[in-house]
PDB file of N, CA and C in Angstrom:
ATOM      1  N   MET A   1     133.061  84.853 114.036  1.00  0.00           N
ATOM      2  CA  MET A   1     131.677  85.023 113.621  1.00  0.00           C
ATOM      3  C   MET A   1     131.467  86.431 113.060  1.00  0.00           C
ATOM      4  N   ASN A   2     131.060  86.518 111.882  1.00  0.00           N
ATOM      5  CA  ASN A   2     130.911  87.849 111.318  1.00  0.00           C
ATOM      6  C   ASN A   2     129.639  88.462 111.731  1.00  0.00           C
ATOM      7  N   ARG A   3     129.421  89.761 111.336  1.00  0.00           N
ATOM      8  CA  ARG A   3     128.315  90.538 111.837  1.00  0.00           C
ATOM      9  C   ARG A   3     126.887  89.982 111.384  1.00  0.00           C
ATOM     10  N   THR A   4     126.873  89.470 110.166  1.00  0.00           N
ATOM     11  CA  THR A   4     125.595  88.946 109.640  1.00  0.00           C
ATOM     12  C   THR A   4     125.198  87.702 110.406  1.00  0.00           C
ATOM     13  N   ARG A   5     126.165  86.799 110.644  1.00  0.00           N
ATOM     14  CA  ARG A   5     125.819  85.528 111.332  1.00  0.00           C
ATOM     15  C   ARG A   5     125.399  85.808 112.738  1.00  0.00           C
ATOM     16  N   LEU A   6     126.066  86.768 113.404  1.00  0.00           N
ATOM     17  CA  LEU A   6     125.742  87.139 114.785  1.00  0.00           C
ATOM     18  C   LEU A   6     124.295  87.723 114.768  1.00  0.00           C
ATOM     19  N   PHE A   7     124.013  88.622 113.886  1.00  0.00           N
ATOM     20  CA  PHE A   7     122.663  89.217 113.772  1.00  0.00           C
ATOM     21  C   PHE A   7     121.596  88.151 113.575  1.00  0.00           C
ATOM     22  N   LEU A   8     121.860  87.213 112.680  1.00  0.00           N
ATOM     23  CA  LEU A   8     120.883  86.133 112.427  1.00  0.00           C
ATOM     24  C   LEU A   8     120.703  85.217 113.598  1.00  0.00           C
ATOM     25  N   ALA A   9     121.807  84.930 114.328  1.00  0.00           N
ATOM     26  CA  ALA A   9     121.707  84.126 115.542  1.00  0.00           C
ATOM     27  C   ALA A   9     120.847  84.814 116.629  1.00  0.00           C
ATOM     28  N   VAL A  10     121.085  86.090 116.785  1.00  0.00           N
ATOM     29  CA  VAL A  10     120.261  86.824 117.766  1.00  0.00           C
ATOM     30  C   VAL A  10     118.780  86.881 117.363  1.00  0.00           C
ATOM     31  N   GLN A  11     118.535  87.083 116.064  1.00  0.00           N
ATOM     32  CA  GLN A  11     117.175  87.105 115.519  1.00  0.00           C
ATOM     33  C   GLN A  11     116.581  85.737 115.801  1.00  0.00           C
ATOM     34  N   SER A  12     117.252  84.678 115.542  1.00  0.00           N
ATOM     35  CA  SER A  12     116.684  83.362 115.705  1.00  0.00           C
ATOM     36  C   SER A  12     116.283  83.082 117.189  1.00  0.00           C
ATOM     37  N   ILE A  13     117.218  83.526 118.117  1.00  0.00           N
ATOM     38  CA  ILE A  13     116.933  83.360 119.526  1.00  0.00           C
ATOM     39  C   ILE A  13     115.731  84.167 119.956  1.00  0.00           C
ATOM     40  N   LEU A  14     115.608  85.348 119.401  1.00  0.00           N
ATOM     41  CA  LEU A  14     114.410  86.150 119.721  1.00  0.00           C
ATOM     42  C   LEU A  14     113.134  85.476 119.242  1.00  0.00           C
ATOM     43  N   TYR A  15     113.182  84.931 118.056  1.00  0.00           N
ATOM     44  CA  TYR A  15     111.962  84.229 117.509  1.00  0.00           C
ATOM     45  C   TYR A  15     111.620  83.062 118.385  1.00  0.00           C
ATOM     46  N   ILE A  16     112.659  82.283 118.836  1.00  0.00           N
ATOM     47  CA  ILE A  16     112.346  81.094 119.684  1.00  0.00           C
ATOM     48  C   ILE A  16     111.793  81.512 121.006  1.00  0.00           C
ATOM     49  N   LEU A  17     112.365  82.570 121.582  1.00  0.00           N
ATOM     50  CA  LEU A  17     111.901  83.079 122.873  1.00  0.00           C
ATOM     51  C   LEU A  17     110.395  83.621 122.740  1.00  0.00           C
ATOM     52  N   ALA A  18     110.122  84.321 121.616  1.00  0.00           N
ATOM     53  CA  ALA A  18     108.756  84.862 121.445  1.00  0.00           C
ATOM     54  C   ALA A  18     107.804  83.723 121.271  1.00  0.00           C
ATOM     55  N   ALA A  19     108.142  82.691 120.501  1.00  0.00           N
ATOM     56  CA  ALA A  19     107.256  81.503 120.365  1.00  0.00           C
ATOM     57  C   ALA A  19     106.968  80.836 121.679  1.00  0.00           C
ATOM     58  N   ALA A  20     108.054  80.661 122.419  1.00  0.00           N
ATOM     59  CA  ALA A  20     107.884  79.999 123.758  1.00  0.00           C
ATOM     60  C   ALA A  20     107.051  80.875 124.702  1.00  0.00           C
ATOM     61  N   ALA A  21     107.267  82.178 124.694  1.00  0.00           N
ATOM     62  CA  ALA A  21     106.412  83.030 125.534  1.00  0.00           C
ATOM     63  C   ALA A  21     104.950  83.054 125.084  1.00  0.00           C
ATOM     64  N   LEU A  22     104.693  83.047 123.816  1.00  0.00           N
ATOM     65  CA  LEU A  22     103.346  82.992 123.368  1.00  0.00           C
ATOM     66  C   LEU A  22     102.651  81.617 123.804  1.00  0.00           C
ATOM     67  N   ILE A  23     103.420  80.593 123.641  1.00  0.00           N
ATOM     68  CA  ILE A  23     102.842  79.270 124.049  1.00  0.00           C
ATOM     69  C   ILE A  23     102.562  79.253 125.555  1.00  0.00           C
ATOM     70  N   ALA A  24     103.489  79.839 126.338  1.00  0.00           N
ATOM     71  CA  ALA A  24     103.303  79.851 127.801  1.00  0.00           C
ATOM     72  C   ALA A  24     102.101  80.748 128.111  1.00  0.00           C
ATOM     73  N   ALA A  25     101.941  81.873 127.419  1.00  0.00           N
ATOM     74  CA  ALA A  25     100.820  82.713 127.695  1.00  0.00           C
ATOM     75  C   ALA A  25      99.485  82.071 127.360  1.00  0.00           C
ATOM     76  N   VAL A  26      99.411  81.367 126.297  1.00  0.00           N
ATOM     77  CA  VAL A  26      98.132  80.630 125.913  1.00  0.00           C
ATOM     78  C   VAL A  26      97.887  79.549 126.890  1.00  0.00           C
ATOM     79  N   LEU A  27      98.906  78.864 127.360  1.00  0.00           N
ATOM     80  CA  LEU A  27      98.609  77.796 128.369  1.00  0.00           C
ATOM     81  C   LEU A  27      98.138  78.320 129.664  1.00  0.00           C
ATOM     82  N   THR A  28      98.748  79.456 130.106  1.00  0.00           N
ATOM     83  CA  THR A  28      98.268  80.003 131.391  1.00  0.00           C
ATOM     84  C   THR A  28      96.843  80.543 131.265  1.00  0.00           C
ATOM     85  N   VAL A  29      96.494  81.175 130.089  1.00  0.00           N
ATOM     86  CA  VAL A  29      95.066  81.611 129.935  1.00  0.00           C
ATOM     87  C   VAL A  29      94.149  80.401 129.940  1.00  0.00           C
ATOM     88  N   TYR A  30      94.562  79.322 129.278  1.00  0.00           N
ATOM     89  CA  TYR A  30      93.688  78.154 129.207  1.00  0.00           C
ATOM     90  C   TYR A  30      93.538  77.501 130.597  1.00  0.00           C
ATOM     91  N   VAL A  31      94.656  77.401 131.329  1.00  0.00           N
ATOM     92  CA  VAL A  31      94.522  76.723 132.728  1.00  0.00           C
ATOM     93  C   VAL A  31      93.673  77.599 133.633  1.00  0.00           C
ATOM     94  N   SER A  32      93.929  78.878 133.568  1.00  0.00           N
ATOM     95  CA  SER A  32      93.013  79.682 134.484  1.00  0.00           C
ATOM     96  C   SER A  32      91.554  79.754 134.013  1.00  0.00           C
ATOM     97  N   GLY A  33      91.373  79.760 132.739  1.00  0.00           N
ATOM     98  CA  GLY A  33      89.983  79.663 132.220  1.00  0.00           C
ATOM     99  C   GLY A  33      89.307  78.354 132.501  1.00  0.00           C
ATOM    100  N   ALA A  34      90.076  77.236 132.403  1.00  0.00           N
ATOM    101  CA  ALA A  34      89.530  75.927 132.632  1.00  0.00           C
ATOM    102  C   ALA A  34      89.107  75.803 134.143  1.00  0.00           C
ATOM    103  N   ALA A  35      89.908  76.424 135.048  1.00  0.00           N
ATOM    104  CA  ALA A  35      89.658  76.353 136.431  1.00  0.00           C
ATOM    105  C   ALA A  35      88.395  77.149 136.700  1.00  0.00           C
ATOM    106  N   ALA A  36      88.254  78.334 136.096  1.00  0.00           N
ATOM    107  CA  ALA A  36      87.052  79.144 136.309  1.00  0.00           C
ATOM    108  C   ALA A  36      85.805  78.386 135.737  1.00  0.00           C
ATOM    109  N   GLN A  37      85.960  77.697 134.667  1.00  0.00           N
ATOM    110  CA  GLN A  37      84.870  76.941 134.043  1.00  0.00           C
ATOM    111  C   GLN A  37      84.463  75.781 134.919  1.00  0.00           C
ATOM    112  N   ALA A  38      85.464  75.146 135.607  1.00  0.00           N
ATOM    113  CA  ALA A  38      85.073  74.092 136.522  1.00  0.00           C
ATOM    114  C   ALA A  38      84.253  74.580 137.654  1.00  0.00           C
ATOM    115  N   GLU A  39      84.549  75.810 138.053  1.00  0.00           N
ATOM    116  CA  GLU A  39      83.800  76.362 139.193  1.00  0.00           C
ATOM    117  C   GLU A  39      82.405  76.904 138.712  1.00  0.00           C
ATOM    118  N   TYR A  40      82.433  77.552 137.583  1.00  0.00           N
ATOM    119  CA  TYR A  40      81.205  78.077 136.972  1.00  0.00           C
ATOM    120  C   TYR A  40      81.041  77.516 135.550  1.00  0.00           C
ATOM    121  N   PRO A  41      80.297  76.490 135.284  1.00  0.00           N
ATOM    122  CA  PRO A  41      80.326  75.819 133.946  1.00  0.00           C
ATOM    123  C   PRO A  41      79.951  76.700 132.765  1.00  0.00           C
ATOM    124  N   LEU A  42      79.222  77.789 132.955  1.00  0.00           N
ATOM    125  CA  LEU A  42      78.841  78.648 131.853  1.00  0.00           C
ATOM    126  C   LEU A  42      79.885  79.746 131.525  1.00  0.00           C
ATOM    127  N   SER A  43      80.959  79.786 132.331  1.00  0.00           N
ATOM    128  CA  SER A  43      81.950  80.844 132.091  1.00  0.00           C
ATOM    129  C   SER A  43      82.820  80.440 130.895  1.00  0.00           C
ATOM    130  N   PRO A  44      83.260  81.327 130.080  1.00  0.00           N
ATOM    131  CA  PRO A  44      84.159  80.970 128.965  1.00  0.00           C
ATOM    132  C   PRO A  44      85.567  80.670 129.434  1.00  0.00           C
ATOM    133  N   VAL A  45      86.280  79.834 128.665  1.00  0.00           N
ATOM    134  CA  VAL A  45      87.644  79.490 129.043  1.00  0.00           C
ATOM    135  C   VAL A  45      88.568  80.704 128.706  1.00  0.00           C
ATOM    136  N   PHE A  46      88.406  81.210 127.536  1.00  0.00           N
ATOM    137  CA  PHE A  46      89.219  82.372 127.061  1.00  0.00           C
ATOM    138  C   PHE A  46      88.370  83.648 127.175  1.00  0.00           C
ATOM    139  N   THR A  47      88.875  84.605 127.938  1.00  0.00           N
ATOM    140  CA  THR A  47      88.169  85.897 127.993  1.00  0.00           C
ATOM    141  C   THR A  47      89.073  86.931 127.383  1.00  0.00           C
ATOM    142  N   ARG A  48      88.464  87.988 126.977  1.00  0.00           N
ATOM    143  CA  ARG A  48      89.240  89.137 126.326  1.00  0.00           C
ATOM    144  C   ARG A  48      90.189  89.702 127.345  1.00  0.00           C
ATOM    145  N   GLU A  49      89.788  89.854 128.581  1.00  0.00           N
ATOM    146  CA  GLU A  49      90.621  90.446 129.633  1.00  0.00           C
ATOM    147  C   GLU A  49      91.880  89.701 129.933  1.00  0.00           C
ATOM    148  N   THR A  50      91.772  88.365 130.098  1.00  0.00           N
ATOM    149  CA  THR A  50      92.918  87.561 130.456  1.00  0.00           C
ATOM    150  C   THR A  50      93.829  87.391 129.237  1.00  0.00           C
ATOM    151  N   ALA A  51      93.262  87.321 128.064  1.00  0.00           N
ATOM    152  CA  ALA A  51      94.129  87.249 126.888  1.00  0.00           C
ATOM    153  C   ALA A  51      94.943  88.536 126.706  1.00  0.00           C
ATOM    154  N   ALA A  52      94.327  89.673 126.920  1.00  0.00           N
ATOM    155  CA  ALA A  52      94.976  90.976 126.762  1.00  0.00           C
ATOM    156  C   ALA A  52      96.064  91.094 127.865  1.00  0.00           C
ATOM    157  N   GLU A  53      95.757  90.642 129.077  1.00  0.00           N
ATOM    158  CA  GLU A  53      96.692  90.711 130.155  1.00  0.00           C
ATOM    159  C   GLU A  53      97.996  89.898 129.826  1.00  0.00           C
ATOM    160  N   ARG A  54      97.793  88.682 129.350  1.00  0.00           N
ATOM    161  CA  ARG A  54      98.931  87.779 129.048  1.00  0.00           C
ATOM    162  C   ARG A  54      99.706  88.311 127.788  1.00  0.00           C
ATOM    163  N   LEU A  55      99.026  88.801 126.833  1.00  0.00           N
ATOM    164  CA  LEU A  55      99.706  89.290 125.607  1.00  0.00           C
ATOM    165  C   LEU A  55     100.446  90.574 125.898  1.00  0.00           C
ATOM    166  N   ALA A  56      99.966  91.345 126.815  1.00  0.00           N
ATOM    167  CA  ALA A  56     100.693  92.610 127.141  1.00  0.00           C
ATOM    168  C   ALA A  56     102.042  92.295 127.768  1.00  0.00           C
ATOM    169  N   ALA A  57     102.162  91.181 128.457  1.00  0.00           N
ATOM    170  CA  ALA A  57     103.477  90.772 129.033  1.00  0.00           C
ATOM    171  C   ALA A  57     104.389  90.245 127.915  1.00  0.00           C
ATOM    172  N   VAL A  58     103.849  89.733 126.882  1.00  0.00           N
ATOM    173  CA  VAL A  58     104.697  89.097 125.778  1.00  0.00           C
ATOM    174  C   VAL A  58     104.939  90.147 124.666  1.00  0.00           C
ATOM    175  N   ALA A  59     104.216  91.161 124.665  1.00  0.00           N
ATOM    176  CA  ALA A  59     104.306  92.163 123.555  1.00  0.00           C
ATOM    177  C   ALA A  59     105.701  92.787 123.358  1.00  0.00           C
ATOM    178  N   PRO A  60     106.467  93.135 124.397  1.00  0.00           N
ATOM    179  CA  PRO A  60     107.773  93.671 124.149  1.00  0.00           C
ATOM    180  C   PRO A  60     108.754  92.729 123.416  1.00  0.00           C
ATOM    181  N   LEU A  61     108.612  91.427 123.701  1.00  0.00           N
ATOM    182  CA  LEU A  61     109.409  90.414 122.997  1.00  0.00           C
ATOM    183  C   LEU A  61     109.033  90.274 121.581  1.00  0.00           C
ATOM    184  N   ILE A  62     107.722  90.304 121.330  1.00  0.00           N
ATOM    185  CA  ILE A  62     107.253  90.237 119.930  1.00  0.00           C
ATOM    186  C   ILE A  62     107.702  91.448 119.164  1.00  0.00           C
ATOM    187  N   LEU A  63     107.586  92.578 119.722  1.00  0.00           N
ATOM    188  CA  LEU A  63     107.991  93.844 119.063  1.00  0.00           C
ATOM    189  C   LEU A  63     109.509  93.853 118.837  1.00  0.00           C
ATOM    190  N   ALA A  64     110.298  93.317 119.733  1.00  0.00           N
ATOM    191  CA  ALA A  64     111.724  93.205 119.514  1.00  0.00           C
ATOM    192  C   ALA A  64     112.037  92.284 118.341  1.00  0.00           C
ATOM    193  N   SER A  65     111.286  91.183 118.241  1.00  0.00           N
ATOM    194  CA  SER A  65     111.485  90.253 117.106  1.00  0.00           C
ATOM    195  C   SER A  65     111.175  90.902 115.776  1.00  0.00           C
ATOM    196  N   LEU A  66     110.028  91.654 115.745  1.00  0.00           N
ATOM    197  CA  LEU A  66     109.656  92.368 114.531  1.00  0.00           C
ATOM    198  C   LEU A  66     110.672  93.474 114.181  1.00  0.00           C
ATOM    199  N   ALA A  67     111.224  94.161 115.235  1.00  0.00           N
ATOM    200  CA  ALA A  67     112.172  95.198 114.969  1.00  0.00           C
ATOM    201  C   ALA A  67     113.487  94.632 114.391  1.00  0.00           C
ATOM    202  N   THR A  68     113.910  93.470 114.876  1.00  0.00           N
ATOM    203  CA  THR A  68     115.112  92.873 114.285  1.00  0.00           C
ATOM    204  C   THR A  68     114.925  92.404 112.848  1.00  0.00           C
ATOM    205  N   ALA A  69     113.672  91.920 112.569  1.00  0.00           N
ATOM    206  CA  ALA A  69     113.328  91.577 111.179  1.00  0.00           C
ATOM    207  C   ALA A  69     113.353  92.766 110.228  1.00  0.00           C
ATOM    208  N   ALA A  70     112.799  93.945 110.750  1.00  0.00           N
ATOM    209  CA  ALA A  70     112.816  95.181 109.933  1.00  0.00           C
ATOM    210  C   ALA A  70     114.231  95.637 109.803  1.00  0.00           C
ATOM    211  N   ALA A  71     115.048  95.594 110.808  1.00  0.00           N
ATOM    212  CA  ALA A  71     116.432  96.030 110.708  1.00  0.00           C
ATOM    213  C   ALA A  71     117.254  95.154 109.730  1.00  0.00           C
ATOM    214  N   GLY A  72     116.964  93.826 109.737  1.00  0.00           N
ATOM    215  CA  GLY A  72     117.666  92.979 108.774  1.00  0.00           C
ATOM    216  C   GLY A  72     117.232  93.273 107.379  1.00  0.00           C
ATOM    217  N   LEU A  73     115.976  93.628 107.122  1.00  0.00           N
ATOM    218  CA  LEU A  73     115.536  93.969 105.793  1.00  0.00           C
ATOM    219  C   LEU A  73     116.123  95.331 105.332  1.00  0.00           C
ATOM    220  N   ILE A  74     116.188  96.268 106.264  1.00  0.00           N
ATOM    221  CA  ILE A  74     116.735  97.604 105.878  1.00  0.00           C
ATOM    222  C   ILE A  74     118.216  97.506 105.621  1.00  0.00           C
ATOM    223  N   LEU A  75     118.963  96.738 106.502  1.00  0.00           N
ATOM    224  CA  LEU A  75     120.372  96.624 106.326  1.00  0.00           C
ATOM    225  C   LEU A  75     120.814  95.651 105.223  1.00  0.00           C
ATOM    226  N   GLY A  76     119.821  94.889 104.733  1.00  0.00           N
ATOM    227  CA  GLY A  76     120.106  93.938 103.713  1.00  0.00           C
ATOM    228  C   GLY A  76     120.899  92.747 104.194  1.00  0.00           C
ATOM    229  N   LEU A  77     120.698  92.289 105.393  1.00  0.00           N
ATOM    230  CA  LEU A  77     121.420  91.185 105.975  1.00  0.00           C
ATOM    231  C   LEU A  77     120.679  89.914 105.650  1.00  0.00           C
ATOM    232  N   ARG A  78     121.382  89.030 104.918  1.00  0.00           N
ATOM    233  CA  ARG A  78     120.773  87.778 104.557  1.00  0.00           C
ATOM    234  C   ARG A  78     121.701  86.586 104.803  1.00  0.00           C
ATOM    235  N   ASP A  79     121.147  85.385 104.903  1.00  0.00           N
ATOM    236  CA  ASP A  79     121.907  84.198 105.087  1.00  0.00           C
ATOM    237  C   ASP A  79     122.650  83.869 103.809  1.00  0.00           C
ATOM    238  N   ASP A  80     124.005  83.569 103.979  1.00  0.00           N
ATOM    239  CA  ASP A  80     124.785  83.232 102.779  1.00  0.00           C
ATOM    240  C   ASP A  80     124.408  81.893 102.156  1.00  0.00           C
ATOM    241  N   ASN A  81     123.731  81.022 102.888  1.00  0.00           N
ATOM    242  CA  ASN A  81     123.359  79.669 102.411  1.00  0.00           C
ATOM    243  C   ASN A  81     122.077  79.774 101.573  1.00  0.00           C
ATOM    244  N   GLY A  82     121.399  80.865 101.617  1.00  0.00           N
ATOM    245  CA  GLY A  82     120.176  81.012 100.863  1.00  0.00           C
ATOM    246  C   GLY A  82     119.029  80.299 101.432  1.00  0.00           C
ATOM    247  N   LEU A  83     119.061  79.975 102.744  1.00  0.00           N
ATOM    248  CA  LEU A  83     117.990  79.277 103.431  1.00  0.00           C
ATOM    249  C   LEU A  83     116.951  80.242 103.941  1.00  0.00           C
TER     250      LEU A  83
END
């Protein structure tokens, strides 16, 4: 496996992990908000504080994904298949 294919494989794995982490974060915010709304019907499901708390945990993974994308652009690494 050459350097470009390895880099693209790592980048793809980071994107998949970032997407899964974002989905998990949104689901945990929704579940906790729905539980709070069941207890107090006027409380919102999504609050700024819980969303910021969950996104802070996912932020390093998203930043790593963006850093690999920037590194790929700077180094000129592209897929040979043109996909």
